[in-house]
Full PDB file with SEQRES, HELIX, SHEET, SSBOND, CRYST1, ORIGX, SCALE, CONECT and MASTER records, all heavy atoms in Angstrom:
SEQRES   1 A   34  SER PHE THR PRO ASN GLY ASP GLY MET ASN ASP ILE PHE          
SEQRES   2 A   34  LYS ILE GLN LEU ASN GLY SER ASP LEU PHE GLN LEU LYS          
SEQRES   3 A   34  ILE ILE ASP THR ASP GLY ASN VAL                              
CRYST1    1.000    1.000    1.000  90.00  90.00  90.00 P 1           1          
ORIGX1      1.000000  0.000000  0.000000        0.00000                         
ORIGX2      0.000000  1.000000  0.000000        0.00000                         
ORIGX3      0.000000  0.000000  1.000000        0.00000                         
SCALE1      1.000000  0.000000  0.000000        0.00000                         
SCALE2      0.000000  1.000000  0.000000        0.00000                         
SCALE3      0.000000  0.000000  1.000000        0.00000                         
ATOM      1  N   SER A   1     -99.562-113.253   0.105  1.00  0.00           N  
ATOM      2  CA  SER A   1     -99.033-112.076  -0.492  1.00  0.00           C  
ATOM      3  C   SER A   1     -98.540-111.081   0.478  1.00  0.00           C  
ATOM      4  O   SER A   1     -99.017-111.011   1.634  1.00  0.00           O  
ATOM      5  CB  SER A   1    -100.034-111.494  -1.458  1.00  0.00           C  
ATOM      6  OG  SER A   1    -100.605-112.379  -2.347  1.00  0.00           O  
ATOM      7  N   PHE A   2     -97.543-110.269   0.022  1.00  0.00           N  
ATOM      8  CA  PHE A   2     -97.216-109.090   0.817  1.00  0.00           C  
ATOM      9  C   PHE A   2     -96.557-108.015  -0.063  1.00  0.00           C  
ATOM     10  O   PHE A   2     -96.200-108.318  -1.192  1.00  0.00           O  
ATOM     11  CB  PHE A   2     -96.311-109.447   2.032  1.00  0.00           C  
ATOM     12  CG  PHE A   2     -94.842-109.782   1.745  1.00  0.00           C  
ATOM     13  CD1 PHE A   2     -93.778-109.019   2.285  1.00  0.00           C  
ATOM     14  CD2 PHE A   2     -94.481-110.779   0.852  1.00  0.00           C  
ATOM     15  CE1 PHE A   2     -92.516-109.254   2.035  1.00  0.00           C  
ATOM     16  CE2 PHE A   2     -93.165-111.016   0.540  1.00  0.00           C  
ATOM     17  CZ  PHE A   2     -92.180-110.293   1.211  1.00  0.00           C  
ATOM     18  N   THR A   3     -96.518-106.762   0.481  1.00  0.00           N  
ATOM     19  CA  THR A   3     -96.065-105.678  -0.364  1.00  0.00           C  
ATOM     20  C   THR A   3     -95.042-104.901   0.443  1.00  0.00           C  
ATOM     21  O   THR A   3     -95.390-103.809   1.093  1.00  0.00           O  
ATOM     22  CB  THR A   3     -97.281-104.678  -0.618  1.00  0.00           C  
ATOM     23  OG1 THR A   3     -97.957-104.300   0.523  1.00  0.00           O  
ATOM     24  CG2 THR A   3     -98.311-105.450  -1.595  1.00  0.00           C  
ATOM     25  N   PRO A   4     -93.789-105.255   0.436  1.00  0.00           N  
ATOM     26  CA  PRO A   4     -92.803-104.525   1.277  1.00  0.00           C  
ATOM     27  C   PRO A   4     -92.373-103.227   0.575  1.00  0.00           C  
ATOM     28  O   PRO A   4     -91.290-103.008   0.076  1.00  0.00           O  
ATOM     29  CB  PRO A   4     -91.591-105.481   1.301  1.00  0.00           C  
ATOM     30  CG  PRO A   4     -91.679-106.300  -0.021  1.00  0.00           C  
ATOM     31  CD  PRO A   4     -93.201-106.387  -0.298  1.00  0.00           C  
ATOM     32  N   ASN A   5     -93.313-102.242   0.635  1.00  0.00           N  
ATOM     33  CA  ASN A   5     -93.102-100.921  -0.021  1.00  0.00           C  
ATOM     34  C   ASN A   5     -92.989 -99.813   0.983  1.00  0.00           C  
ATOM     35  O   ASN A   5     -92.967 -98.620   0.550  1.00  0.00           O  
ATOM     36  CB  ASN A   5     -94.121-100.592  -1.057  1.00  0.00           C  
ATOM     37  CG  ASN A   5     -95.551-100.695  -0.483  1.00  0.00           C  
ATOM     38  OD1 ASN A   5     -95.751-100.722   0.732  1.00  0.00           O  
ATOM     39  ND2 ASN A   5     -96.552-100.668  -1.385  1.00  0.00           N  
ATOM     40  N   GLY A   6     -92.992-100.083   2.276  1.00  0.00           N  
ATOM     41  CA  GLY A   6     -92.835 -99.055   3.306  1.00  0.00           C  
ATOM     42  C   GLY A   6     -94.069 -98.327   3.691  1.00  0.00           C  
ATOM     43  O   GLY A   6     -93.982 -97.239   4.374  1.00  0.00           O  
ATOM     44  N   ASP A   7     -95.230 -98.662   3.185  1.00  0.00           N  
ATOM     45  CA  ASP A   7     -96.483 -97.917   3.526  1.00  0.00           C  
ATOM     46  C   ASP A   7     -97.158 -98.274   4.814  1.00  0.00           C  
ATOM     47  O   ASP A   7     -98.128 -97.820   5.227  1.00  0.00           O  
ATOM     48  CB  ASP A   7     -97.521 -98.026   2.385  1.00  0.00           C  
ATOM     49  CG  ASP A   7     -98.100 -99.391   2.219  1.00  0.00           C  
ATOM     50  OD1 ASP A   7     -97.689-100.371   2.924  1.00  0.00           O  
ATOM     51  OD2 ASP A   7     -98.950 -99.528   1.373  1.00  0.00           O  
ATOM     52  N   GLY A   8     -96.513 -99.277   5.516  1.00  0.00           N  
ATOM     53  CA  GLY A   8     -97.053 -99.697   6.836  1.00  0.00           C  
ATOM     54  C   GLY A   8     -98.163-100.733   6.650  1.00  0.00           C  
ATOM     55  O   GLY A   8     -98.756-101.106   7.675  1.00  0.00           O  
ATOM     56  N   MET A   9     -98.513-101.229   5.549  1.00  0.00           N  
ATOM     57  CA  MET A   9     -99.539-102.245   5.373  1.00  0.00           C  
ATOM     58  C   MET A   9     -98.977-103.437   4.571  1.00  0.00           C  
ATOM     59  O   MET A   9     -98.444-103.238   3.521  1.00  0.00           O  
ATOM     60  CB  MET A   9    -100.681-101.628   4.586  1.00  0.00           C  
ATOM     61  CG  MET A   9    -101.437-100.511   5.328  1.00  0.00           C  
ATOM     62  SD  MET A   9    -102.743 -99.767   4.352  1.00  0.00           S  
ATOM     63  CE  MET A   9    -103.717-101.100   3.875  1.00  0.00           C  
ATOM     64  N   ASN A  10     -99.020-104.614   5.208  1.00  0.00           N  
ATOM     65  CA  ASN A  10     -98.481-105.812   4.640  1.00  0.00           C  
ATOM     66  C   ASN A  10     -97.062-105.710   4.154  1.00  0.00           C  
ATOM     67  O   ASN A  10     -96.713-106.294   3.159  1.00  0.00           O  
ATOM     68  CB  ASN A  10     -99.414-106.237   3.372  1.00  0.00           C  
ATOM     69  CG  ASN A  10    -100.856-106.529   3.920  1.00  0.00           C  
ATOM     70  OD1 ASN A  10    -101.071-107.116   4.852  1.00  0.00           O  
ATOM     71  ND2 ASN A  10    -101.777-106.057   3.010  1.00  0.00           N  
ATOM     72  N   ASP A  11     -96.199-105.037   4.837  1.00  0.00           N  
ATOM     73  CA  ASP A  11     -94.850-104.785   4.572  1.00  0.00           C  
ATOM     74  C   ASP A  11     -94.017-106.039   4.802  1.00  0.00           C  
ATOM     75  O   ASP A  11     -92.886-106.105   4.257  1.00  0.00           O  
ATOM     76  CB  ASP A  11     -94.231-103.594   5.219  1.00  0.00           C  
ATOM     77  CG  ASP A  11     -94.650-102.302   4.679  1.00  0.00           C  
ATOM     78  OD1 ASP A  11     -95.019-102.276   3.483  1.00  0.00           O  
ATOM     79  OD2 ASP A  11     -94.754-101.271   5.395  1.00  0.00           O  
ATOM     80  N   ILE A  12     -94.487-106.972   5.629  1.00  0.00           N  
ATOM     81  CA  ILE A  12     -93.699-108.054   6.038  1.00  0.00           C  
ATOM     82  C   ILE A  12     -94.549-109.418   5.767  1.00  0.00           C  
ATOM     83  O   ILE A  12     -95.672-109.401   6.096  1.00  0.00           O  
ATOM     84  CB  ILE A  12     -93.274-107.975   7.478  1.00  0.00           C  
ATOM     85  CG1 ILE A  12     -92.353-106.904   7.729  1.00  0.00           C  
ATOM     86  CG2 ILE A  12     -92.617-109.289   7.971  1.00  0.00           C  
ATOM     87  CD1 ILE A  12     -92.049-106.593   9.164  1.00  0.00           C  
ATOM     88  N   PHE A  13     -93.936-110.355   5.247  1.00  0.00           N  
ATOM     89  CA  PHE A  13     -94.534-111.658   5.219  1.00  0.00           C  
ATOM     90  C   PHE A  13     -94.326-112.270   6.598  1.00  0.00           C  
ATOM     91  O   PHE A  13     -93.253-112.584   6.949  1.00  0.00           O  
ATOM     92  CB  PHE A  13     -93.824-112.572   4.119  1.00  0.00           C  
ATOM     93  CG  PHE A  13     -94.227-114.047   4.100  1.00  0.00           C  
ATOM     94  CD1 PHE A  13     -95.406-114.379   3.739  1.00  0.00           C  
ATOM     95  CD2 PHE A  13     -93.258-114.969   4.505  1.00  0.00           C  
ATOM     96  CE1 PHE A  13     -95.814-115.765   3.718  1.00  0.00           C  
ATOM     97  CE2 PHE A  13     -93.614-116.274   4.427  1.00  0.00           C  
ATOM     98  CZ  PHE A  13     -94.854-116.677   4.138  1.00  0.00           C  
ATOM     99  N   LYS A  14     -95.456-112.502   7.305  1.00  0.00           N  
ATOM    100  CA  LYS A  14     -95.393-112.919   8.668  1.00  0.00           C  
ATOM    101  C   LYS A  14     -96.267-114.052   8.910  1.00  0.00           C  
ATOM    102  O   LYS A  14     -97.458-113.936   8.709  1.00  0.00           O  
ATOM    103  CB  LYS A  14     -95.699-111.846   9.628  1.00  0.00           C  
ATOM    104  CG  LYS A  14     -95.508-112.130  11.148  1.00  0.00           C  
ATOM    105  CD  LYS A  14     -95.730-110.911  11.969  1.00  0.00           C  
ATOM    106  CE  LYS A  14     -95.459-111.299  13.415  1.00  0.00           C  
ATOM    107  NZ  LYS A  14     -95.564-110.134  14.293  1.00  0.00           N  
ATOM    108  N   ILE A  15     -95.701-115.208   9.336  1.00  0.00           N  
ATOM    109  CA  ILE A  15     -96.475-116.349   9.650  1.00  0.00           C  
ATOM    110  C   ILE A  15     -96.834-116.317  11.044  1.00  0.00           C  
ATOM    111  O   ILE A  15     -95.927-116.172  11.924  1.00  0.00           O  
ATOM    112  CB  ILE A  15     -95.707-117.647   9.301  1.00  0.00           C  
ATOM    113  CG1 ILE A  15     -95.398-117.676   7.855  1.00  0.00           C  
ATOM    114  CG2 ILE A  15     -96.470-118.853   9.740  1.00  0.00           C  
ATOM    115  CD1 ILE A  15     -94.539-118.833   7.430  1.00  0.00           C  
ATOM    116  N   GLN A  16     -98.103-116.507  11.453  1.00  0.00           N  
ATOM    117  CA  GLN A  16     -98.464-116.525  12.851  1.00  0.00           C  
ATOM    118  C   GLN A  16     -98.605-117.889  13.289  1.00  0.00           C  
ATOM    119  O   GLN A  16     -99.378-118.704  12.889  1.00  0.00           O  
ATOM    120  CB  GLN A  16     -99.909-115.786  12.969  1.00  0.00           C  
ATOM    121  CG  GLN A  16     -99.825-114.356  12.647  1.00  0.00           C  
ATOM    122  CD  GLN A  16    -101.276-113.778  12.709  1.00  0.00           C  
ATOM    123  OE1 GLN A  16    -102.201-114.420  13.166  1.00  0.00           O  
ATOM    124  NE2 GLN A  16    -101.275-112.499  12.412  1.00  0.00           N  
ATOM    125  N   LEU A  17     -97.632-118.277  14.216  1.00  0.00           N  
ATOM    126  CA  LEU A  17     -97.514-119.585  14.702  1.00  0.00           C  
ATOM    127  C   LEU A  17     -98.174-119.527  16.183  1.00  0.00           C  
ATOM    128  O   LEU A  17     -97.879-118.721  17.022  1.00  0.00           O  
ATOM    129  CB  LEU A  17     -96.101-120.017  14.913  1.00  0.00           C  
ATOM    130  CG  LEU A  17     -95.317-120.063  13.688  1.00  0.00           C  
ATOM    131  CD1 LEU A  17     -93.768-120.239  13.999  1.00  0.00           C  
ATOM    132  CD2 LEU A  17     -95.797-121.206  12.761  1.00  0.00           C  
ATOM    133  N   ASN A  18     -99.101-120.511  16.383  1.00  0.00           N  
ATOM    134  CA  ASN A  18     -99.786-120.572  17.694  1.00  0.00           C  
ATOM    135  C   ASN A  18     -99.432-121.961  18.368  1.00  0.00           C  
ATOM    136  O   ASN A  18     -99.842-122.992  17.846  1.00  0.00           O  
ATOM    137  CB  ASN A  18    -101.262-120.387  17.646  1.00  0.00           C  
ATOM    138  CG  ASN A  18    -101.586-119.065  17.053  1.00  0.00           C  
ATOM    139  OD1 ASN A  18    -101.046-118.096  17.466  1.00  0.00           O  
ATOM    140  ND2 ASN A  18    -102.577-119.068  16.179  1.00  0.00           N  
ATOM    141  N   GLY A  19     -98.634-121.920  19.423  1.00  0.00           N  
ATOM    142  CA  GLY A  19     -98.339-123.109  20.145  1.00  0.00           C  
ATOM    143  C   GLY A  19     -97.271-123.974  19.540  1.00  0.00           C  
ATOM    144  O   GLY A  19     -97.093-125.141  19.815  1.00  0.00           O  
ATOM    145  N   SER A  20     -96.473-123.362  18.601  1.00  0.00           N  
ATOM    146  CA  SER A  20     -95.421-124.206  18.047  1.00  0.00           C  
ATOM    147  C   SER A  20     -94.192-124.161  18.921  1.00  0.00           C  
ATOM    148  O   SER A  20     -93.816-123.187  19.471  1.00  0.00           O  
ATOM    149  CB  SER A  20     -95.036-123.632  16.634  1.00  0.00           C  
ATOM    150  OG  SER A  20     -96.133-123.711  15.832  1.00  0.00           O  
ATOM    151  N   ASP A  21     -93.539-125.327  18.989  1.00  0.00           N  
ATOM    152  CA  ASP A  21     -92.359-125.411  19.759  1.00  0.00           C  
ATOM    153  C   ASP A  21     -91.029-124.817  19.007  1.00  0.00           C  
ATOM    154  O   ASP A  21     -90.424-123.914  19.425  1.00  0.00           O  
ATOM    155  CB  ASP A  21     -92.058-126.856  20.238  1.00  0.00           C  
ATOM    156  CG  ASP A  21     -93.189-127.325  21.161  1.00  0.00           C  
ATOM    157  OD1 ASP A  21     -93.704-126.538  21.897  1.00  0.00           O  
ATOM    158  OD2 ASP A  21     -93.417-128.483  21.076  1.00  0.00           O  
ATOM    159  N   LEU A  22     -90.769-125.448  17.994  1.00  0.00           N  
ATOM    160  CA  LEU A  22     -89.616-125.090  17.119  1.00  0.00           C  
ATOM    161  C   LEU A  22     -90.047-124.958  15.767  1.00  0.00           C  
ATOM    162  O   LEU A  22     -90.915-125.604  15.286  1.00  0.00           O  
ATOM    163  CB  LEU A  22     -88.535-126.155  17.242  1.00  0.00           C  
ATOM    164  CG  LEU A  22     -87.910-126.510  18.604  1.00  0.00           C  
ATOM    165  CD1 LEU A  22     -87.060-127.691  18.608  1.00  0.00           C  
ATOM    166  CD2 LEU A  22     -87.166-125.255  19.168  1.00  0.00           C  
ATOM    167  N   PHE A  23     -89.312-124.147  14.982  1.00  0.00           N  
ATOM    168  CA  PHE A  23     -89.621-124.000  13.491  1.00  0.00           C  
ATOM    169  C   PHE A  23     -88.340-123.649  12.708  1.00  0.00           C  
ATOM    170  O   PHE A  23     -87.411-123.123  13.301  1.00  0.00           O  
ATOM    171  CB  PHE A  23     -90.698-123.024  13.229  1.00  0.00           C  
ATOM    172  CG  PHE A  23     -90.275-121.588  13.485  1.00  0.00           C  
ATOM    173  CD1 PHE A  23     -89.780-120.812  12.457  1.00  0.00           C  
ATOM    174  CD2 PHE A  23     -90.344-120.965  14.752  1.00  0.00           C  
ATOM    175  CE1 PHE A  23     -89.372-119.551  12.691  1.00  0.00           C  
ATOM    176  CE2 PHE A  23     -89.913-119.714  14.986  1.00  0.00           C  
ATOM    177  CZ  PHE A  23     -89.426-118.955  13.972  1.00  0.00           C  
ATOM    178  N   GLN A  24     -88.487-123.774  11.385  1.00  0.00           N  
ATOM    179  CA  GLN A  24     -87.455-123.244  10.508  1.00  0.00           C  
ATOM    180  C   GLN A  24     -88.230-122.808   9.225  1.00  0.00           C  
ATOM    181  O   GLN A  24     -88.912-123.569   8.665  1.00  0.00           O  
ATOM    182  CB  GLN A  24     -86.412-124.247  10.135  1.00  0.00           C  
ATOM    183  CG  GLN A  24     -85.369-123.668   9.127  1.00  0.00           C  
ATOM    184  CD  GLN A  24     -84.275-124.682   8.742  1.00  0.00           C  
ATOM    185  OE1 GLN A  24     -84.541-125.757   8.631  1.00  0.00           O  
ATOM    186  NE2 GLN A  24     -83.116-124.132   8.507  1.00  0.00           N  
ATOM    187  N   LEU A  25     -87.983-121.586   8.853  1.00  0.00           N  
ATOM    188  CA  LEU A  25     -88.634-120.944   7.729  1.00  0.00           C  
ATOM    189  C   LEU A  25     -87.590-120.763   6.587  1.00  0.00           C  
ATOM    190  O   LEU A  25     -86.480-120.302   6.904  1.00  0.00           O  
ATOM    191  CB  LEU A  25     -89.223-119.534   8.001  1.00  0.00           C  
ATOM    192  CG  LEU A  25     -89.661-118.742   6.895  1.00  0.00           C  
ATOM    193  CD1 LEU A  25     -90.897-119.447   6.204  1.00  0.00           C  
ATOM    194  CD2 LEU A  25     -90.002-117.339   7.357  1.00  0.00           C  
ATOM    195  N   LYS A  26     -87.908-121.232   5.407  1.00  0.00           N  
ATOM    196  CA  LYS A  26     -87.060-120.942   4.275  1.00  0.00           C  
ATOM    197  C   LYS A  26     -87.859-120.399   3.179  1.00  0.00           C  
ATOM    198  O   LYS A  26     -88.938-120.684   2.914  1.00  0.00           O  
ATOM    199  CB  LYS A  26     -86.434-122.315   3.661  1.00  0.00           C  
ATOM    200  CG  LYS A  26     -85.482-122.901   4.570  1.00  0.00           C  
ATOM    201  CD  LYS A  26     -84.900-124.226   3.958  1.00  0.00           C  
ATOM    202  CE  LYS A  26     -83.951-124.907   4.943  1.00  0.00           C  
ATOM    203  NZ  LYS A  26     -83.390-126.120   4.324  1.00  0.00           N  
ATOM    204  N   ILE A  27     -87.310-119.287   2.471  1.00  0.00           N  
ATOM    205  CA  ILE A  27     -87.855-118.667   1.356  1.00  0.00           C  
ATOM    206  C   ILE A  27     -86.975-119.113   0.074  1.00  0.00           C  
ATOM    207  O   ILE A  27     -85.739-118.965   0.245  1.00  0.00           O  
ATOM    208  CB  ILE A  27     -87.853-117.138   1.433  1.00  0.00           C  
ATOM    209  CG1 ILE A  27     -88.587-116.738   2.727  1.00  0.00           C  
ATOM    210  CG2 ILE A  27     -88.527-116.496   0.184  1.00  0.00           C  
ATOM    211  CD1 ILE A  27     -90.102-117.049   2.777  1.00  0.00           C  
ATOM    212  N   ILE A  28     -87.680-119.519  -0.913  1.00  0.00           N  
ATOM    213  CA  ILE A  28     -86.963-120.105  -2.114  1.00  0.00           C  
ATOM    214  C   ILE A  28     -87.477-119.384  -3.345  1.00  0.00           C  
ATOM    215  O   ILE A  28     -88.684-119.126  -3.561  1.00  0.00           O  
ATOM    216  CB  ILE A  28     -87.289-121.593  -2.177  1.00  0.00           C  
ATOM    217  CG1 ILE A  28     -86.937-122.279  -0.875  1.00  0.00           C  
ATOM    218  CG2 ILE A  28     -86.637-122.205  -3.383  1.00  0.00           C  
ATOM    219  CD1 ILE A  28     -87.593-123.662  -0.672  1.00  0.00           C  
ATOM    220  N   ASP A  29     -86.552-119.011  -4.234  1.00  0.00           N  
ATOM    221  CA  ASP A  29     -86.880-118.261  -5.519  1.00  0.00           C  
ATOM    222  C   ASP A  29     -87.292-119.374  -6.492  1.00  0.00           C  
ATOM    223  O   ASP A  29     -87.223-120.529  -6.343  1.00  0.00           O  
ATOM    224  CB  ASP A  29     -85.768-117.391  -6.022  1.00  0.00           C  
ATOM    225  CG  ASP A  29     -84.529-118.080  -6.419  1.00  0.00           C  
ATOM    226  OD1 ASP A  29     -84.498-119.330  -6.551  1.00  0.00           O  
ATOM    227  OD2 ASP A  29     -83.522-117.390  -6.574  1.00  0.00           O  
ATOM    228  N   THR A  30     -87.730-118.865  -7.733  1.00  0.00           N  
ATOM    229  CA  THR A  30     -88.238-119.736  -8.707  1.00  0.00           C  
ATOM    230  C   THR A  30     -87.167-120.576  -9.324  1.00  0.00           C  
ATOM    231  O   THR A  30     -87.488-121.570 -10.029  1.00  0.00           O  
ATOM    232  CB  THR A  30     -89.007-118.973  -9.879  1.00  0.00           C  
ATOM    233  OG1 THR A  30     -88.126-117.967 -10.308  1.00  0.00           O  
ATOM    234  CG2 THR A  30     -90.198-118.287  -9.274  1.00  0.00           C  
ATOM    235  N   ASP A  31     -85.915-120.282  -9.133  1.00  0.00           N  
ATOM    236  CA  ASP A  31     -84.849-121.086  -9.626  1.00  0.00           C  
ATOM    237  C   ASP A  31     -84.435-122.251  -8.686  1.00  0.00           C  
ATOM    238  O   ASP A  31     -83.512-122.990  -8.941  1.00  0.00           O  
ATOM    239  CB  ASP A  31     -83.514-120.190  -9.896  1.00  0.00           C  
ATOM    240  CG  ASP A  31     -83.751-119.235 -11.008  1.00  0.00           C  
ATOM    241  OD1 ASP A  31     -84.459-119.656 -11.970  1.00  0.00           O  
ATOM    242  OD2 ASP A  31     -83.148-118.204 -10.987  1.00  0.00           O  
ATOM    243  N   GLY A  32     -85.036-122.192  -7.461  1.00  0.00           N  
ATOM    244  CA  GLY A  32     -84.780-123.244  -6.507  1.00  0.00           C  
ATOM    245  C   GLY A  32     -83.740-122.907  -5.507  1.00  0.00           C  
ATOM    246  O   GLY A  32     -83.325-123.700  -4.603  1.00  0.00           O  
ATOM    247  N   ASN A  33     -83.310-121.598  -5.524  1.00  0.00           N  
ATOM    248  CA  ASN A  33     -82.323-121.167  -4.534  1.00  0.00           C  
ATOM    249  C   ASN A  33     -82.941-120.659  -3.275  1.00  0.00           C  
ATOM    250  O   ASN A  33     -83.924-119.966  -3.264  1.00  0.00           O  
ATOM    251  CB  ASN A  33     -81.487-119.927  -5.107  1.00  0.00           C  
ATOM    252  CG  ASN A  33     -80.857-120.327  -6.425  1.00  0.00           C  
ATOM    253  OD1 ASN A  33     -80.111-121.330  -6.542  1.00  0.00           O  
ATOM    254  ND2 ASN A  33     -81.118-119.472  -7.427  1.00  0.00           N  
ATOM    255  N   VAL A  34     -82.411-121.132  -2.134  1.00  0.00           N  
ATOM    256  CA  VAL A  34     -82.882-120.668  -0.807  1.00  0.00           C  
ATOM    257  C   VAL A  34     -82.269-119.242  -0.584  1.00  0.00           C  
ATOM    258  O   VAL A  34     -81.075-119.104  -0.537  1.00  0.00           O  
ATOM    259  CB  VAL A  34     -82.404-121.647   0.398  1.00  0.00           C  
ATOM    260  CG1 VAL A  34     -82.810-121.051   1.718  1.00  0.00           C  
ATOM    261  CG2 VAL A  34     -83.019-123.040   0.125  1.00  0.00           C  
TER     262      VAL A  34                                                      
MASTER        0    0    0    0    0    0    0    6  261    1    0    3          
END                                                                             
């Protein structure tokens, strides 16, 4: 969960990767749209 409301707490959905070489992140809505 996150709350992008500008209060400085949990404003960004951030994945912490440790030791990953390459990645691709996709966010998808409930209709299946990227």
